[in-house]
C-alpha atoms as a PDB file:
ATOM      1  CA  UNK A   1      51.107   0.882 -21.363  1.00  0.00           C
ATOM      2  CA  UNK A   2      54.283   0.122 -19.443  1.00  0.00           C
ATOM      3  CA  UNK A   3      57.643   0.590 -21.118  1.00  0.00           C
ATOM      4  CA  UNK A   4      59.767  -2.461 -21.455  1.00  0.00           C
ATOM      5  CA  UNK A   5      63.023  -0.587 -21.841  1.00  0.00           C
ATOM      6  CA  UNK A   6      64.505  -0.082 -18.349  1.00  0.00           C
ATOM      7  CA  UNK A   7      66.642   2.950 -19.344  1.00  0.00           C
ATOM      8  CA  UNK A   8      63.702   5.198 -20.217  1.00  0.00           C
ATOM      9  CA  UNK A   9      62.003   7.240 -17.451  1.00  0.00           C
ATOM     10  CA  UNK A  10      58.546   6.011 -16.386  1.00  0.00           C
ATOM     11  CA  UNK A  11      55.392   7.565 -17.643  1.00  0.00           C
ATOM     12  CA  UNK A  12      54.235  10.499 -15.533  1.00  0.00           C
ATOM     13  CA  UNK A  13      51.062   8.717 -14.494  1.00  0.00           C
ATOM     14  CA  UNK A  14      52.774   5.626 -13.146  1.00  0.00           C
ATOM     15  CA  UNK A  15      52.236   5.273  -9.440  1.00  0.00           C
ATOM     16  CA  UNK A  16      48.986   7.155  -9.569  1.00  0.00           C
ATOM     17  CA  UNK A  17      45.951   5.633  -7.840  1.00  0.00           C
ATOM     18  CA  UNK A  18      44.353   3.043 -10.091  1.00  0.00           C
ATOM     19  CA  UNK A  19      47.447   2.538 -12.253  1.00  0.00           C
ATOM     20  CA  UNK A  20      48.124  -1.201 -12.540  1.00  0.00           C
ATOM     21  CA  UNK A  21      51.149  -1.266 -14.806  1.00  0.00           C
ATOM     22  CA  UNK A  22      49.951  -3.775 -17.412  1.00  0.00           C
ATOM     23  CA  UNK A  23      48.794  -3.454 -20.958  1.00  0.00           C
ATOM     24  CA  UNK A  24      45.034  -4.159 -21.085  1.00  0.00           C
ATOM     25  CA  UNK A  25      45.276  -5.254 -24.728  1.00  0.00           C
ATOM     26  CA  UNK A  26      47.499  -8.205 -23.812  1.00  0.00           C
ATOM     27  CA  UNK A  27      45.128  -9.666 -21.147  1.00  0.00           C
ATOM     28  CA  UNK A  28      41.552 -10.855 -21.621  1.00  0.00           C
ATOM     29  CA  UNK A  29      38.796  -9.122 -19.589  1.00  0.00           C
ATOM     30  CA  UNK A  30      37.935 -10.724 -16.287  1.00  0.00           C
ATOM     31  CA  UNK A  31      34.741 -12.553 -15.664  1.00  0.00           C
ATOM     32  CA  UNK A  32      31.852 -10.515 -14.220  1.00  0.00           C
ATOM     33  CA  UNK A  33      31.222 -10.689 -10.452  1.00  0.00           C
ATOM     34  CA  UNK A  34      28.422 -13.078  -9.424  1.00  0.00           C
ATOM     35  CA  UNK A  35      25.087 -11.298  -9.704  1.00  0.00           C
ATOM     36  CA  UNK A  36      26.556  -8.288 -11.515  1.00  0.00           C
ATOM     37  CA  UNK A  37      25.178  -7.216 -14.889  1.00  0.00           C
ATOM     38  CA  UNK A  38      24.915  -8.524 -17.497  1.00  0.00           C
ATOM     39  CA  UNK A  39      22.518 -10.959 -15.926  1.00  0.00           C
ATOM     40  CA  UNK A  40      22.004 -14.380 -17.452  1.00  0.00           C
ATOM     41  CA  UNK A  41      18.961 -14.475 -19.789  1.00  0.00           C
ATOM     42  CA  UNK A  42      15.652 -14.524 -17.992  1.00  0.00           C
ATOM     43  CA  UNK A  43      16.995 -13.652 -14.521  1.00  0.00           C
ATOM     44  CA  UNK A  44      16.899  -9.839 -14.620  1.00  0.00           C
ATOM     45  CA  UNK A  45      14.813  -8.361 -11.860  1.00  0.00           C
ATOM     46  CA  UNK A  46      11.420  -7.003 -12.916  1.00  0.00           C
ATOM     47  CA  UNK A  47      10.902  -3.287 -12.593  1.00  0.00           C
ATOM     48  CA  UNK A  48       7.497  -1.978 -11.701  1.00  0.00           C
ATOM     49  CA  UNK A  49       5.822   0.631 -13.842  1.00  0.00           C
ATOM     50  CA  UNK A  50       6.502   4.263 -12.913  1.00  0.00           C
ATOM     51  CA  UNK A  51       2.892   4.740 -11.793  1.00  0.00           C
ATOM     52  CA  UNK A  52       3.297   2.005  -9.148  1.00  0.00           C
ATOM     53  CA  UNK A  53       6.293   3.517  -7.452  1.00  0.00           C
ATOM     54  CA  UNK A  54       5.729   5.326  -4.185  1.00  0.00           C
ATOM     55  CA  UNK A  55       6.085   9.112  -4.303  1.00  0.00           C
ATOM     56  CA  UNK A  56       8.498  11.030  -2.064  1.00  0.00           C
ATOM     57  CA  UNK A  57       5.959  12.667   0.224  1.00  0.00           C
ATOM     58  CA  UNK A  58       2.243  11.842   0.624  1.00  0.00           C
ATOM     59  CA  UNK A  59      -0.316  14.396  -0.487  1.00  0.00           C
ATOM     60  CA  UNK A  60      -2.220  16.630   1.903  1.00  0.00           C
ATOM     61  CA  UNK A  61      -5.531  14.705   1.464  1.00  0.00           C
ATOM     62  CA  UNK A  62      -3.687  11.517   2.358  1.00  0.00           C
ATOM     63  CA  UNK A  63      -2.402  12.793   5.712  1.00  0.00           C
ATOM     64  CA  UNK A  64      -5.353  15.077   6.633  1.00  0.00           C
ATOM     65  CA  UNK A  65      -7.382  12.334   8.424  1.00  0.00           C
ATOM     66  CA  UNK A  66      -4.480  11.600  10.777  1.00  0.00           C
ATOM     67  CA  UNK A  67      -4.069  15.300  11.497  1.00  0.00           C
ATOM     68  CA  UNK A  68      -7.775  15.719  12.178  1.00  0.00           C
ATOM     69  CA  UNK A  69      -7.796  12.769  14.602  1.00  0.00           C
ATOM     70  CA  UNK A  70      -4.667  13.919  16.437  1.00  0.00           C
ATOM     71  CA  UNK A  71      -6.061  17.432  16.956  1.00  0.00           C
ATOM     72  CA  UNK A  72      -9.614  16.118  17.621  1.00  0.00           C
ATOM     73  CA  UNK A  73      -8.309  13.991  20.485  1.00  0.00           C
ATOM     74  CA  UNK A  74      -7.263  17.081  22.434  1.00  0.00           C
ATOM     75  CA  UNK A  75     -10.579  18.789  21.602  1.00  0.00           C
ATOM     76  CA  UNK A  76     -12.366  15.851  23.258  1.00  0.00           C
ATOM     77  CA  UNK A  77     -10.077  16.104  26.285  1.00  0.00           C
ATOM     78  CA  UNK A  78     -10.816  19.832  26.540  1.00  0.00           C
ATOM     79  CA  UNK A  79     -14.578  19.193  26.192  1.00  0.00           C
ATOM     80  CA  UNK A  80     -14.437  16.646  29.055  1.00  0.00           C
ATOM     81  CA  UNK A  81     -12.516  19.122  31.195  1.00  0.00           C
ATOM     82  CA  UNK A  82     -15.064  21.819  30.375  1.00  0.00           C
ATOM     83  CA  UNK A  83     -17.966  19.568  31.376  1.00  0.00           C
ATOM     84  CA  UNK A  84     -16.257  18.524  34.610  1.00  0.00           C
ATOM     85  CA  UNK A  85     -15.341  22.081  35.607  1.00  0.00           C
ATOM     86  CA  UNK A  86     -18.679  23.575  34.619  1.00  0.00           C
ATOM     87  CA  UNK A  87     -18.159  26.115  31.875  1.00  0.00           C
ATOM     88  CA  UNK A  88     -20.456  29.120  31.960  1.00  0.00           C
ATOM     89  CA  UNK A  89     -20.456  30.230  28.331  1.00  0.00           C
ATOM     90  CA  UNK A  90     -20.591  27.372  25.820  1.00  0.00           C
ATOM     91  CA  UNK A  91     -20.570  29.573  22.664  1.00  0.00           C
ATOM     92  CA  UNK A  92     -17.304  31.126  23.755  1.00  0.00           C
ATOM     93  CA  UNK A  93     -15.938  27.748  24.728  1.00  0.00           C
ATOM     94  CA  UNK A  94     -16.849  26.371  21.306  1.00  0.00           C
ATOM     95  CA  UNK A  95     -14.948  29.279  19.644  1.00  0.00           C
ATOM     96  CA  UNK A  96     -12.009  28.680  22.010  1.00  0.00           C
ATOM     97  CA  UNK A  97     -11.971  25.039  20.826  1.00  0.00           C
ATOM     98  CA  UNK A  98     -12.652  25.478  17.131  1.00  0.00           C
ATOM     99  CA  UNK A  99      -9.911  27.986  16.387  1.00  0.00           C
ATOM    100  CA  UNK A 100      -7.082  25.931  18.019  1.00  0.00           C
ATOM    101  CA  UNK A 101      -8.455  22.792  16.385  1.00  0.00           C
ATOM    102  CA  UNK A 102      -8.301  24.302  12.856  1.00  0.00           C
ATOM    103  CA  UNK A 103      -4.843  25.855  13.365  1.00  0.00           C
ATOM    104  CA  UNK A 104      -3.413  22.670  14.960  1.00  0.00           C
ATOM    105  CA  UNK A 105      -4.717  20.519  12.146  1.00  0.00           C
ATOM    106  CA  UNK A 106      -3.164  22.854   9.541  1.00  0.00           C
ATOM    107  CA  UNK A 107       0.228  22.847  11.355  1.00  0.00           C
ATOM    108  CA  UNK A 108       0.210  19.044  11.732  1.00  0.00           C
ATOM    109  CA  UNK A 109       0.110  18.609   7.951  1.00  0.00           C
ATOM    110  CA  UNK A 110       3.810  19.508   7.721  1.00  0.00           C
ATOM    111  CA  UNK A 111       5.220  16.812  10.058  1.00  0.00           C
ATOM    112  CA  UNK A 112       2.648  14.290   8.777  1.00  0.00           C
ATOM    113  CA  UNK A 113       3.872  14.774   5.172  1.00  0.00           C
ATOM    114  CA  UNK A 114       7.458  14.314   6.358  1.00  0.00           C
ATOM    115  CA  UNK A 115       6.604  10.893   7.787  1.00  0.00           C
ATOM    116  CA  UNK A 116       5.703  11.505  11.453  1.00  0.00           C
ATOM    117  CA  UNK A 117       3.983   8.573  13.036  1.00  0.00           C
ATOM    118  CA  UNK A 118       0.484   9.009  14.555  1.00  0.00           C
ATOM    119  CA  UNK A 119       1.846   8.964  18.095  1.00  0.00           C
ATOM    120  CA  UNK A 120       4.240  11.785  17.269  1.00  0.00           C
ATOM    121  CA  UNK A 121       1.398  13.736  15.695  1.00  0.00           C
ATOM    122  CA  UNK A 122      -0.602  13.402  18.907  1.00  0.00           C
ATOM    123  CA  UNK A 123       2.333  14.752  20.902  1.00  0.00           C
ATOM    124  CA  UNK A 124       2.893  17.655  18.597  1.00  0.00           C
ATOM    125  CA  UNK A 125      -0.826  18.365  18.628  1.00  0.00           C
ATOM    126  CA  UNK A 126      -0.771  18.436  22.415  1.00  0.00           C
ATOM    127  CA  UNK A 127       1.712  21.251  22.544  1.00  0.00           C
ATOM    128  CA  UNK A 128       0.187  23.322  19.770  1.00  0.00           C
ATOM    129  CA  UNK A 129      -3.479  22.828  20.765  1.00  0.00           C
ATOM    130  CA  UNK A 130      -3.089  23.602  24.464  1.00  0.00           C
ATOM    131  CA  UNK A 131      -1.055  26.755  23.896  1.00  0.00           C
ATOM    132  CA  UNK A 132      -3.527  28.056  21.356  1.00  0.00           C
ATOM    133  CA  UNK A 133      -6.453  26.997  23.546  1.00  0.00           C
ATOM    134  CA  UNK A 134      -5.029  28.858  26.548  1.00  0.00           C
ATOM    135  CA  UNK A 135      -4.570  31.968  24.445  1.00  0.00           C
ATOM    136  CA  UNK A 136      -8.115  31.718  23.040  1.00  0.00           C
ATOM    137  CA  UNK A 137      -9.633  31.208  26.523  1.00  0.00           C
ATOM    138  CA  UNK A 138      -7.693  34.209  27.808  1.00  0.00           C
ATOM    139  CA  UNK A 139      -8.847  36.385  24.939  1.00  0.00           C
ATOM    140  CA  UNK A 140     -12.440  35.241  24.812  1.00  0.00           C
ATOM    141  CA  UNK A 141     -13.017  34.975  28.527  1.00  0.00           C
END
């Protein structure tokens, strides 16, 4: 509330950010901005029920098929390479493929739940699978 007497010192809050210098009781409120609440009757946007809203991160069963396919792609590539090069011991080769496949699939769940696209999952699976496969082949012979 501004003072109308010029001889009195100003209020201490005059000049502060947001101070307008007029008495709000003497002026009517301004009209709302177009589209701002309150909305005209019957034009409010409809809100979906809480159950229909998308959750923050997908569940593990929802992303597991993508992780299995991304890791399985590199298992197929390793099998083709094993057939072409002529592997001597297939039971050891199966163990050298199964262990990296399971570990790679488990690791891929984390980026898949954070929204990684399938192409990115294949690239991440490439690095993880082939390092683990090389270690398994070196250990198993």
